[in-house]
Amino acid sequence: MFAARRQLSTLIPPKIASAKNIGSNPNAKRMAEVVSFYKKLPTGPAPAAKKSFTPWGKYKAAFIDGDNASGKPLLHLAFLVIVVGYTWEYQAHLKHHKDH
């Protein structure tokens, strides 16, 4: 029970702008620092990501990001697991039994 409540407490943000923190409280300076930090953050939509020329970047742009998102990466992963698993099994066991 305690562990579940502890996990949920990380989802709830701290009370940054509570009534206790406003005024001549010793926490007022910390509150001003928090407010100035949030004022410095950029607003609006994030800029478009630069095109990547790495193989993973091209794959991600083709199948995962934007309007091209699909379930194909899951099929690719399943195919990769099958190929790697069969290769591993062949190297570990099957090649020793081909003459018997």
PDB file of N, CA and C in Angstrom:
ATOM      1  N   MET A   1       0.826  -1.189   0.000  1.00  0.00           N
ATOM      2  CA  MET A   1       0.000   0.000   0.000  1.00  0.00           C
ATOM      3  C   MET A   1       0.869   1.251   0.000  1.00  0.00           C
ATOM      4  N   PHE A   2       1.900   1.253   0.863  1.00  0.00           N
ATOM      5  CA  PHE A   2       2.772   2.419   0.952  1.00  0.00           C
ATOM      6  C   PHE A   2       3.522   2.635  -0.359  1.00  0.00           C
ATOM      7  N   ALA A   3       3.967   1.535  -0.977  1.00  0.00           N
ATOM      8  CA  ALA A   3       4.722   1.659  -2.227  1.00  0.00           C
ATOM      9  C   ALA A   3       3.854   2.228  -3.339  1.00  0.00           C
ATOM     10  N   ALA A   4       2.600   1.812  -3.397  1.00  0.00           N
ATOM     11  CA  ALA A   4       1.705   2.319  -4.435  1.00  0.00           C
ATOM     12  C   ALA A   4       1.445   3.811  -4.231  1.00  0.00           C
ATOM     13  N   ARG A   5       1.252   4.225  -2.994  1.00  0.00           N
ATOM     14  CA  ARG A   5       1.009   5.635  -2.724  1.00  0.00           C
ATOM     15  C   ARG A   5       2.267   6.452  -3.022  1.00  0.00           C
ATOM     16  N   ARG A   6       3.432   5.871  -2.740  1.00  0.00           N
ATOM     17  CA  ARG A   6       4.698   6.549  -3.009  1.00  0.00           C
ATOM     18  C   ARG A   6       4.882   6.755  -4.513  1.00  0.00           C
ATOM     19  N   GLN A   7       4.486   5.760  -5.313  1.00  0.00           N
ATOM     20  CA  GLN A   7       4.600   5.894  -6.762  1.00  0.00           C
ATOM     21  C   GLN A   7       3.660   6.970  -7.280  1.00  0.00           C
ATOM     22  N   LEU A   8       2.464   7.051  -6.729  1.00  0.00           N
ATOM     23  CA  LEU A   8       1.510   8.056  -7.180  1.00  0.00           C
ATOM     24  C   LEU A   8       1.938   9.460  -6.782  1.00  0.00           C
ATOM     25  N   SER A   9       2.688   9.588  -5.694  1.00  0.00           N
ATOM     26  CA  SER A   9       3.090  10.919  -5.257  1.00  0.00           C
ATOM     27  C   SER A   9       4.064  11.553  -6.233  1.00  0.00           C
ATOM     28  N   THR A  10       4.768  10.757  -7.032  1.00  0.00           N
ATOM     29  CA  THR A  10       5.682  11.342  -8.007  1.00  0.00           C
ATOM     30  C   THR A  10       4.930  11.914  -9.199  1.00  0.00           C
ATOM     31  N   LEU A  11       3.686  11.513  -9.402  1.00  0.00           N
ATOM     32  CA  LEU A  11       2.899  12.040 -10.509  1.00  0.00           C
ATOM     33  C   LEU A  11       2.277  13.389 -10.187  1.00  0.00           C
ATOM     34  N   ILE A  12       2.140  13.685  -8.909  1.00  0.00           N
ATOM     35  CA  ILE A  12       1.490  14.919  -8.482  1.00  0.00           C
ATOM     36  C   ILE A  12       2.569  15.991  -8.310  1.00  0.00           C
ATOM     37  N   PRO A  13       2.478  17.111  -9.037  1.00  0.00           N
ATOM     38  CA  PRO A  13       3.509  18.140  -8.917  1.00  0.00           C
ATOM     39  C   PRO A  13       3.452  18.811  -7.547  1.00  0.00           C
ATOM     40  N   PRO A  14       4.560  19.351  -7.090  1.00  0.00           N
ATOM     41  CA  PRO A  14       4.551  20.039  -5.797  1.00  0.00           C
ATOM     42  C   PRO A  14       3.725  21.321  -5.880  1.00  0.00           C
ATOM     43  N   LYS A  15       3.275  21.766  -4.746  1.00  0.00           N
ATOM     44  CA  LYS A  15       2.467  22.987  -4.698  1.00  0.00           C
ATOM     45  C   LYS A  15       3.416  24.184  -4.769  1.00  0.00           C
ATOM     46  N   ILE A  16       3.691  24.615  -5.983  1.00  0.00           N
ATOM     47  CA  ILE A  16       4.654  25.697  -6.177  1.00  0.00           C
ATOM     48  C   ILE A  16       4.035  27.038  -5.807  1.00  0.00           C
ATOM     49  N   ALA A  17       2.809  27.276  -6.221  1.00  0.00           N
ATOM     50  CA  ALA A  17       2.193  28.588  -6.027  1.00  0.00           C
ATOM     51  C   ALA A  17       1.117  28.548  -4.957  1.00  0.00           C
ATOM     52  N   SER A  18       1.402  27.925  -3.848  1.00  0.00           N
ATOM     53  CA  SER A  18       0.407  27.892  -2.781  1.00  0.00           C
ATOM     54  C   SER A  18       0.373  29.242  -2.068  1.00  0.00           C
ATOM     55  N   ALA A  19      -0.675  29.468  -1.315  1.00  0.00           N
ATOM     56  CA  ALA A  19      -0.847  30.749  -0.620  1.00  0.00           C
ATOM     57  C   ALA A  19       0.235  30.961   0.433  1.00  0.00           C
ATOM     58  N   LYS A  20       0.786  29.880   0.983  1.00  0.00           N
ATOM     59  CA  LYS A  20       1.829  30.020   1.999  1.00  0.00           C
ATOM     60  C   LYS A  20       3.098  30.633   1.420  1.00  0.00           C
ATOM     61  N   ASN A  21       3.380  30.363   0.146  1.00  0.00           N
ATOM     62  CA  ASN A  21       4.637  30.805  -0.446  1.00  0.00           C
ATOM     63  C   ASN A  21       4.601  32.244  -0.947  1.00  0.00           C
ATOM     64  N   ILE A  22       3.455  32.892  -0.903  1.00  0.00           N
ATOM     65  CA  ILE A  22       3.350  34.263  -1.389  1.00  0.00           C
ATOM     66  C   ILE A  22       3.411  35.203  -0.194  1.00  0.00           C
ATOM     67  N   GLY A  23       4.149  36.286  -0.325  1.00  0.00           N
ATOM     68  CA  GLY A  23       4.244  37.270   0.746  1.00  0.00           C
ATOM     69  C   GLY A  23       5.655  37.358   1.279  1.00  0.00           C
ATOM     70  N   SER A  24       5.786  37.762   2.540  1.00  0.00           N
ATOM     71  CA  SER A  24       7.102  37.965   3.132  1.00  0.00           C
ATOM     72  C   SER A  24       7.580  36.710   3.848  1.00  0.00           C
ATOM     73  N   ASN A  25       7.301  35.621   3.290  1.00  0.00           N
ATOM     74  CA  ASN A  25       7.722  34.333   3.821  1.00  0.00           C
ATOM     75  C   ASN A  25       9.192  34.106   3.449  1.00  0.00           C
ATOM     76  N   PRO A  26       9.967  33.372   4.253  1.00  0.00           N
ATOM     77  CA  PRO A  26      11.348  33.072   3.858  1.00  0.00           C
ATOM     78  C   PRO A  26      11.416  32.282   2.549  1.00  0.00           C
ATOM     79  N   ASN A  27      10.325  31.633   2.181  1.00  0.00           N
ATOM     80  CA  ASN A  27      10.304  30.885   0.927  1.00  0.00           C
ATOM     81  C   ASN A  27      10.021  31.786  -0.275  1.00  0.00           C
ATOM     82  N   ALA A  28       9.771  33.085  -0.039  1.00  0.00           N
ATOM     83  CA  ALA A  28       9.414  33.986  -1.132  1.00  0.00           C
ATOM     84  C   ALA A  28      10.552  34.111  -2.138  1.00  0.00           C
ATOM     85  N   LYS A  29      11.785  34.123  -1.657  1.00  0.00           N
ATOM     86  CA  LYS A  29      12.926  34.206  -2.572  1.00  0.00           C
ATOM     87  C   LYS A  29      12.986  32.962  -3.446  1.00  0.00           C
ATOM     88  N   ARG A  30      12.766  31.804  -2.844  1.00  0.00           N
ATOM     89  CA  ARG A  30      12.754  30.570  -3.638  1.00  0.00           C
ATOM     90  C   ARG A  30      11.620  30.595  -4.643  1.00  0.00           C
ATOM     91  N   MET A  31      10.480  31.132  -4.230  1.00  0.00           N
ATOM     92  CA  MET A  31       9.334  31.221  -5.134  1.00  0.00           C
ATOM     93  C   MET A  31       9.657  32.139  -6.302  1.00  0.00           C
ATOM     94  N   ALA A  32      10.332  33.247  -6.035  1.00  0.00           N
ATOM     95  CA  ALA A  32      10.721  34.173  -7.104  1.00  0.00           C
ATOM     96  C   ALA A  32      11.691  33.495  -8.064  1.00  0.00           C
ATOM     97  N   GLU A  33      12.586  32.669  -7.542  1.00  0.00           N
ATOM     98  CA  GLU A  33      13.520  31.940  -8.405  1.00  0.00           C
ATOM     99  C   GLU A  33      12.783  30.940  -9.289  1.00  0.00           C
ATOM    100  N   VAL A  34      11.782  30.281  -8.725  1.00  0.00           N
ATOM    101  CA  VAL A  34      10.994  29.326  -9.508  1.00  0.00           C
ATOM    102  C   VAL A  34      10.232  30.054 -10.605  1.00  0.00           C
ATOM    103  N   VAL A  35       9.633  31.196 -10.265  1.00  0.00           N
ATOM    104  CA  VAL A  35       8.877  31.969 -11.251  1.00  0.00           C
ATOM    105  C   VAL A  35       9.802  32.465 -12.352  1.00  0.00           C
ATOM    106  N   SER A  36      10.985  32.958 -11.987  1.00  0.00           N
ATOM    107  CA  SER A  36      11.904  33.451 -13.020  1.00  0.00           C
ATOM    108  C   SER A  36      12.391  32.307 -13.900  1.00  0.00           C
ATOM    109  N   PHE A  37      12.570  31.136 -13.331  1.00  0.00           N
ATOM    110  CA  PHE A  37      12.967  29.972 -14.138  1.00  0.00           C
ATOM    111  C   PHE A  37      11.898  29.652 -15.174  1.00  0.00           C
ATOM    112  N   TYR A  38      10.637  29.617 -14.748  1.00  0.00           N
ATOM    113  CA  TYR A  38       9.558  29.289 -15.670  1.00  0.00           C
ATOM    114  C   TYR A  38       9.326  30.397 -16.700  1.00  0.00           C
ATOM    115  N   LYS A  39       9.626  31.655 -16.356  1.00  0.00           N
ATOM    116  CA  LYS A  39       9.486  32.741 -17.328  1.00  0.00           C
ATOM    117  C   LYS A  39      10.539  32.641 -18.425  1.00  0.00           C
ATOM    118  N   LYS A  40      11.704  32.074 -18.101  1.00  0.00           N
ATOM    119  CA  LYS A  40      12.786  31.951 -19.081  1.00  0.00           C
ATOM    120  C   LYS A  40      12.565  30.803 -20.061  1.00  0.00           C
ATOM    121  N   LEU A  41      11.677  29.880 -19.737  1.00  0.00           N
ATOM    122  CA  LEU A  41      11.444  28.745 -20.628  1.00  0.00           C
ATOM    123  C   LEU A  41      10.795  29.212 -21.924  1.00  0.00           C
ATOM    124  N   PRO A  42      11.158  28.596 -23.042  1.00  0.00           N
ATOM    125  CA  PRO A  42      10.552  28.998 -24.314  1.00  0.00           C
ATOM    126  C   PRO A  42       9.078  28.619 -24.368  1.00  0.00           C
ATOM    127  N   THR A  43       8.320  29.431 -25.078  1.00  0.00           N
ATOM    128  CA  THR A  43       6.894  29.161 -25.229  1.00  0.00           C
ATOM    129  C   THR A  43       6.597  28.849 -26.683  1.00  0.00           C
ATOM    130  N   GLY A  44       5.445  28.298 -26.916  1.00  0.00           N
ATOM    131  CA  GLY A  44       5.038  27.971 -28.275  1.00  0.00           C
ATOM    132  C   GLY A  44       5.496  26.585 -28.677  1.00  0.00           C
ATOM    133  N   PRO A  45       5.242  26.237 -29.929  1.00  0.00           N
ATOM    134  CA  PRO A  45       5.609  24.895 -30.391  1.00  0.00           C
ATOM    135  C   PRO A  45       7.123  24.738 -30.483  1.00  0.00           C
ATOM    136  N   ALA A  46       7.562  23.528 -30.301  1.00  0.00           N
ATOM    137  CA  ALA A  46       8.990  23.231 -30.389  1.00  0.00           C
ATOM    138  C   ALA A  46       9.446  23.348 -31.839  1.00  0.00           C
ATOM    139  N   PRO A  47      10.682  23.778 -32.060  1.00  0.00           N
ATOM    140  CA  PRO A  47      11.172  23.866 -33.436  1.00  0.00           C
ATOM    141  C   PRO A  47      11.290  22.481 -34.059  1.00  0.00           C
ATOM    142  N   ALA A  48      11.186  22.444 -35.370  1.00  0.00           N
ATOM    143  CA  ALA A  48      11.284  21.164 -36.075  1.00  0.00           C
ATOM    144  C   ALA A  48      12.682  20.590 -35.897  1.00  0.00           C
ATOM    145  N   ALA A  49      12.722  19.290 -35.712  1.00  0.00           N
ATOM    146  CA  ALA A  49      14.009  18.628 -35.516  1.00  0.00           C
ATOM    147  C   ALA A  49      14.793  18.613 -36.820  1.00  0.00           C
ATOM    148  N   LYS A  50      16.115  18.684 -36.697  1.00  0.00           N
ATOM    149  CA  LYS A  50      16.967  18.628 -37.877  1.00  0.00           C
ATOM    150  C   LYS A  50      16.955  17.219 -38.445  1.00  0.00           C
ATOM    151  N   LYS A  51      17.138  17.132 -39.750  1.00  0.00           N
ATOM    152  CA  LYS A  51      17.184  15.823 -40.393  1.00  0.00           C
ATOM    153  C   LYS A  51      18.444  15.096 -39.965  1.00  0.00           C
ATOM    154  N   SER A  52      18.290  13.845 -39.627  1.00  0.00           N
ATOM    155  CA  SER A  52      19.428  13.036 -39.218  1.00  0.00           C
ATOM    156  C   SER A  52      19.905  12.193 -40.396  1.00  0.00           C
ATOM    157  N   PHE A  53      21.201  12.004 -40.481  1.00  0.00           N
ATOM    158  CA  PHE A  53      21.767  11.208 -41.562  1.00  0.00           C
ATOM    159  C   PHE A  53      22.267   9.857 -41.072  1.00  0.00           C
ATOM    160  N   THR A  54      22.030   9.547 -39.806  1.00  0.00           N
ATOM    161  CA  THR A  54      22.426   8.240 -39.293  1.00  0.00           C
ATOM    162  C   THR A  54      21.382   7.207 -39.710  1.00  0.00           C
ATOM    163  N   PRO A  55      21.750   5.934 -39.761  1.00  0.00           N
ATOM    164  CA  PRO A  55      20.759   4.911 -40.129  1.00  0.00           C
ATOM    165  C   PRO A  55      19.550   4.899 -39.191  1.00  0.00           C
ATOM    166  N   TRP A  56      19.788   5.030 -37.882  1.00  0.00           N
ATOM    167  CA  TRP A  56      18.665   5.036 -36.942  1.00  0.00           C
ATOM    168  C   TRP A  56      17.786   6.268 -37.161  1.00  0.00           C
ATOM    169  N   GLY A  57      18.403   7.425 -37.439  1.00  0.00           N
ATOM    170  CA  GLY A  57      17.633   8.639 -37.679  1.00  0.00           C
ATOM    171  C   GLY A  57      16.764   8.528 -38.918  1.00  0.00           C
ATOM    172  N   LYS A  58      17.294   7.933 -39.972  1.00  0.00           N
ATOM    173  CA  LYS A  58      16.511   7.734 -41.195  1.00  0.00           C
ATOM    174  C   LYS A  58      15.363   6.757 -40.945  1.00  0.00           C
ATOM    175  N   TYR A  59      15.643   5.675 -40.214  1.00  0.00           N
ATOM    176  CA  TYR A  59      14.607   4.689 -39.901  1.00  0.00           C
ATOM    177  C   TYR A  59      13.502   5.332 -39.065  1.00  0.00           C
ATOM    178  N   LYS A  60      13.905   6.115 -38.065  1.00  0.00           N
ATOM    179  CA  LYS A  60      12.936   6.768 -37.188  1.00  0.00           C
ATOM    180  C   LYS A  60      12.074   7.750 -37.973  1.00  0.00           C
ATOM    181  N   ALA A  61      12.691   8.510 -38.875  1.00  0.00           N
ATOM    182  CA  ALA A  61      11.931   9.459 -39.686  1.00  0.00           C
ATOM    183  C   ALA A  61      10.974   8.738 -40.625  1.00  0.00           C
ATOM    184  N   ALA A  62      11.379   7.574 -41.121  1.00  0.00           N
ATOM    185  CA  ALA A  62      10.554   6.857 -42.090  1.00  0.00           C
ATOM    186  C   ALA A  62       9.380   6.133 -41.445  1.00  0.00           C
ATOM    187  N   PHE A  63       9.562   5.575 -40.249  1.00  0.00           N
ATOM    188  CA  PHE A  63       8.539   4.698 -39.691  1.00  0.00           C
ATOM    189  C   PHE A  63       7.935   5.152 -38.364  1.00  0.00           C
ATOM    190  N   ILE A  64       8.591   6.022 -37.608  1.00  0.00           N
ATOM    191  CA  ILE A  64       8.140   6.312 -36.243  1.00  0.00           C
ATOM    192  C   ILE A  64       7.611   7.737 -36.097  1.00  0.00           C
ATOM    193  N   ASP A  65       8.312   8.727 -36.631  1.00  0.00           N
ATOM    194  CA  ASP A  65       7.948  10.127 -36.413  1.00  0.00           C
ATOM    195  C   ASP A  65       6.849  10.608 -37.351  1.00  0.00           C
ATOM    196  N   GLY A  66       6.101  11.581 -36.884  1.00  0.00           N
ATOM    197  CA  GLY A  66       5.158  12.315 -37.715  1.00  0.00           C
ATOM    198  C   GLY A  66       3.986  11.511 -38.226  1.00  0.00           C
ATOM    199  N   ASP A  67       3.557  11.869 -39.435  1.00  0.00           N
ATOM    200  CA  ASP A  67       2.392  11.225 -40.039  1.00  0.00           C
ATOM    201  C   ASP A  67       2.706   9.829 -40.539  1.00  0.00           C
ATOM    202  N   ASN A  68       3.977   9.480 -40.618  1.00  0.00           N
ATOM    203  CA  ASN A  68       4.373   8.169 -41.129  1.00  0.00           C
ATOM    204  C   ASN A  68       4.339   7.087 -40.054  1.00  0.00           C
ATOM    205  N   ALA A  69       3.948   7.412 -38.862  1.00  0.00           N
ATOM    206  CA  ALA A  69       3.963   6.447 -37.764  1.00  0.00           C
ATOM    207  C   ALA A  69       3.079   5.251 -38.099  1.00  0.00           C
ATOM    208  N   SER A  70       3.613   4.060 -37.863  1.00  0.00           N
ATOM    209  CA  SER A  70       2.859   2.841 -38.151  1.00  0.00           C
ATOM    210  C   SER A  70       3.339   1.727 -37.231  1.00  0.00           C
ATOM    211  N   GLY A  71       2.791   0.546 -37.431  1.00  0.00           N
ATOM    212  CA  GLY A  71       3.169  -0.615 -36.643  1.00  0.00           C
ATOM    213  C   GLY A  71       4.296  -1.416 -37.263  1.00  0.00           C
ATOM    214  N   LYS A  72       4.846  -0.941 -38.373  1.00  0.00           N
ATOM    215  CA  LYS A  72       5.911  -1.689 -39.042  1.00  0.00           C
ATOM    216  C   LYS A  72       7.142  -1.916 -38.170  1.00  0.00           C
ATOM    217  N   PRO A  73       7.545  -0.966 -37.314  1.00  0.00           N
ATOM    218  CA  PRO A  73       8.701  -1.254 -36.462  1.00  0.00           C
ATOM    219  C   PRO A  73       8.502  -2.483 -35.574  1.00  0.00           C
ATOM    220  N   LEU A  74       7.262  -2.759 -35.161  1.00  0.00           N
ATOM    221  CA  LEU A  74       7.011  -3.966 -34.367  1.00  0.00           C
ATOM    222  C   LEU A  74       7.225  -5.219 -35.205  1.00  0.00           C
ATOM    223  N   LEU A  75       6.801  -5.182 -36.464  1.00  0.00           N
ATOM    224  CA  LEU A  75       7.047  -6.318 -37.358  1.00  0.00           C
ATOM    225  C   LEU A  75       8.540  -6.485 -37.621  1.00  0.00           C
ATOM    226  N   HIS A  76       9.242  -5.381 -37.792  1.00  0.00           N
ATOM    227  CA  HIS A  76      10.685  -5.446 -38.003  1.00  0.00           C
ATOM    228  C   HIS A  76      11.377  -6.033 -36.776  1.00  0.00           C
ATOM    229  N   LEU A  77      10.932  -5.633 -35.592  1.00  0.00           N
ATOM    230  CA  LEU A  77      11.511  -6.162 -34.362  1.00  0.00           C
ATOM    231  C   LEU A  77      11.255  -7.657 -34.239  1.00  0.00           C
ATOM    232  N   ALA A  78      10.034  -8.098 -34.556  1.00  0.00           N
ATOM    233  CA  ALA A  78       9.717  -9.529 -34.494  1.00  0.00           C
ATOM    234  C   ALA A  78      10.585 -10.306 -35.477  1.00  0.00           C
ATOM    235  N   PHE A  79      10.746  -9.804 -36.685  1.00  0.00           N
ATOM    236  CA  PHE A  79      11.590 -10.466 -37.684  1.00  0.00           C
ATOM    237  C   PHE A  79      13.039 -10.529 -37.204  1.00  0.00           C
ATOM    238  N   LEU A  80      13.535  -9.442 -36.624  1.00  0.00           N
ATOM    239  CA  LEU A  80      14.906  -9.411 -36.115  1.00  0.00           C
ATOM    240  C   LEU A  80      15.097 -10.430 -34.995  1.00  0.00           C
ATOM    241  N   VAL A  81      14.130 -10.522 -34.089  1.00  0.00           N
ATOM    242  CA  VAL A  81      14.223 -11.488 -32.984  1.00  0.00           C
ATOM    243  C   VAL A  81      14.245 -12.910 -33.529  1.00  0.00           C
ATOM    244  N   ILE A  82      13.420 -13.200 -34.530  1.00  0.00           N
ATOM    245  CA  ILE A  82      13.387 -14.545 -35.120  1.00  0.00           C
ATOM    246  C   ILE A  82      14.714 -14.865 -35.793  1.00  0.00           C
ATOM    247  N   VAL A  83      15.240 -13.943 -36.580  1.00  0.00           N
ATOM    248  CA  VAL A  83      16.499 -14.188 -37.290  1.00  0.00           C
ATOM    249  C   VAL A  83      17.656 -14.344 -36.314  1.00  0.00           C
ATOM    250  N   VAL A  84      17.756 -13.456 -35.343  1.00  0.00           N
ATOM    251  CA  VAL A  84      18.846 -13.546 -34.365  1.00  0.00           C
ATOM    252  C   VAL A  84      18.693 -14.805 -33.520  1.00  0.00           C
ATOM    253  N   GLY A  85      17.470 -15.137 -33.118  1.00  0.00           N
ATOM    254  CA  GLY A  85      17.243 -16.346 -32.318  1.00  0.00           C
ATOM    255  C   GLY A  85      17.598 -17.606 -33.072  1.00  0.00           C
ATOM    256  N   TYR A  86      17.218 -17.694 -34.342  1.00  0.00           N
ATOM    257  CA  TYR A  86      17.552 -18.880 -35.133  1.00  0.00           C
ATOM    258  C   TYR A  86      19.062 -18.977 -35.341  1.00  0.00           C
ATOM    259  N   THR A  87      19.710 -17.854 -35.627  1.00  0.00           N
ATOM    260  CA  THR A  87      21.162 -17.863 -35.816  1.00  0.00           C
ATOM    261  C   THR A  87      21.865 -18.313 -34.548  1.00  0.00           C
ATOM    262  N   TRP A  88      21.427 -17.819 -33.431  1.00  0.00           N
ATOM    263  CA  TRP A  88      22.022 -18.191 -32.153  1.00  0.00           C
ATOM    264  C   TRP A  88      21.819 -19.690 -31.894  1.00  0.00           C
ATOM    265  N   GLU A  89      20.601 -20.154 -32.122  1.00  0.00           N
ATOM    266  CA  GLU A  89      20.300 -21.571 -31.908  1.00  0.00           C
ATOM    267  C   GLU A  89      21.123 -22.446 -32.850  1.00  0.00           C
ATOM    268  N   TYR A  90      21.266 -22.026 -34.092  1.00  0.00           N
ATOM    269  CA  TYR A  90      22.053 -22.797 -35.055  1.00  0.00           C
ATOM    270  C   TYR A  90      23.506 -22.872 -34.607  1.00  0.00           C
ATOM    271  N   GLN A  91      24.068 -21.744 -34.219  1.00  0.00           N
ATOM    272  CA  GLN A  91      25.475 -21.727 -33.813  1.00  0.00           C
ATOM    273  C   GLN A  91      25.699 -22.509 -32.521  1.00  0.00           C
ATOM    274  N   ALA A  92      24.739 -22.518 -31.635  1.00  0.00           N
ATOM    275  CA  ALA A  92      24.907 -23.183 -30.345  1.00  0.00           C
ATOM    276  C   ALA A  92      24.612 -24.676 -30.408  1.00  0.00           C
ATOM    277  N   HIS A  93      23.629 -25.103 -31.220  1.00  0.00           N
ATOM    278  CA  HIS A  93      23.210 -26.498 -31.172  1.00  0.00           C
ATOM    279  C   HIS A  93      23.103 -27.168 -32.529  1.00  0.00           C
ATOM    280  N   LEU A  94      22.426 -26.544 -33.471  1.00  0.00           N
ATOM    281  CA  LEU A  94      22.023 -27.228 -34.689  1.00  0.00           C
ATOM    282  C   LEU A  94      23.186 -27.599 -35.590  1.00  0.00           C
ATOM    283  N   LYS A  95      24.232 -26.804 -35.661  1.00  0.00           N
ATOM    284  CA  LYS A  95      25.322 -27.134 -36.568  1.00  0.00           C
ATOM    285  C   LYS A  95      26.096 -28.362 -36.102  1.00  0.00           C
ATOM    286  N   HIS A  96      25.970 -28.723 -34.848  1.00  0.00           N
ATOM    287  CA  HIS A  96      26.655 -29.911 -34.336  1.00  0.00           C
ATOM    288  C   HIS A  96      25.885 -31.185 -34.650  1.00  0.00           C
ATOM    289  N   HIS A  97      24.630 -31.071 -35.043  1.00  0.00           N
ATOM    290  CA  HIS A  97      23.798 -32.249 -35.285  1.00  0.00           C
ATOM    291  C   HIS A  97      23.533 -32.512 -36.759  1.00  0.00           C
ATOM    292  N   LYS A  98      24.142 -31.788 -37.676  1.00  0.00           N
ATOM    293  CA  LYS A  98      23.788 -31.950 -39.074  1.00  0.00           C
ATOM    294  C   LYS A  98      24.301 -33.260 -39.665  1.00  0.00           C
ATOM    295  N   ASP A  99      25.316 -33.900 -39.074  1.00  0.00           N
ATOM    296  CA  ASP A  99      25.820 -35.179 -39.580  1.00  0.00           C
ATOM    297  C   ASP A  99      25.108 -36.366 -38.950  1.00  0.00           C
ATOM    298  N   HIS A 100      24.296 -36.155 -37.963  1.00  0.00           N
ATOM    299  CA  HIS A 100      23.656 -37.272 -37.251  1.00  0.00           C
ATOM    300  C   HIS A 100      22.226 -37.421 -37.630  1.00  0.00           C
TER     301      HIS A 100
END
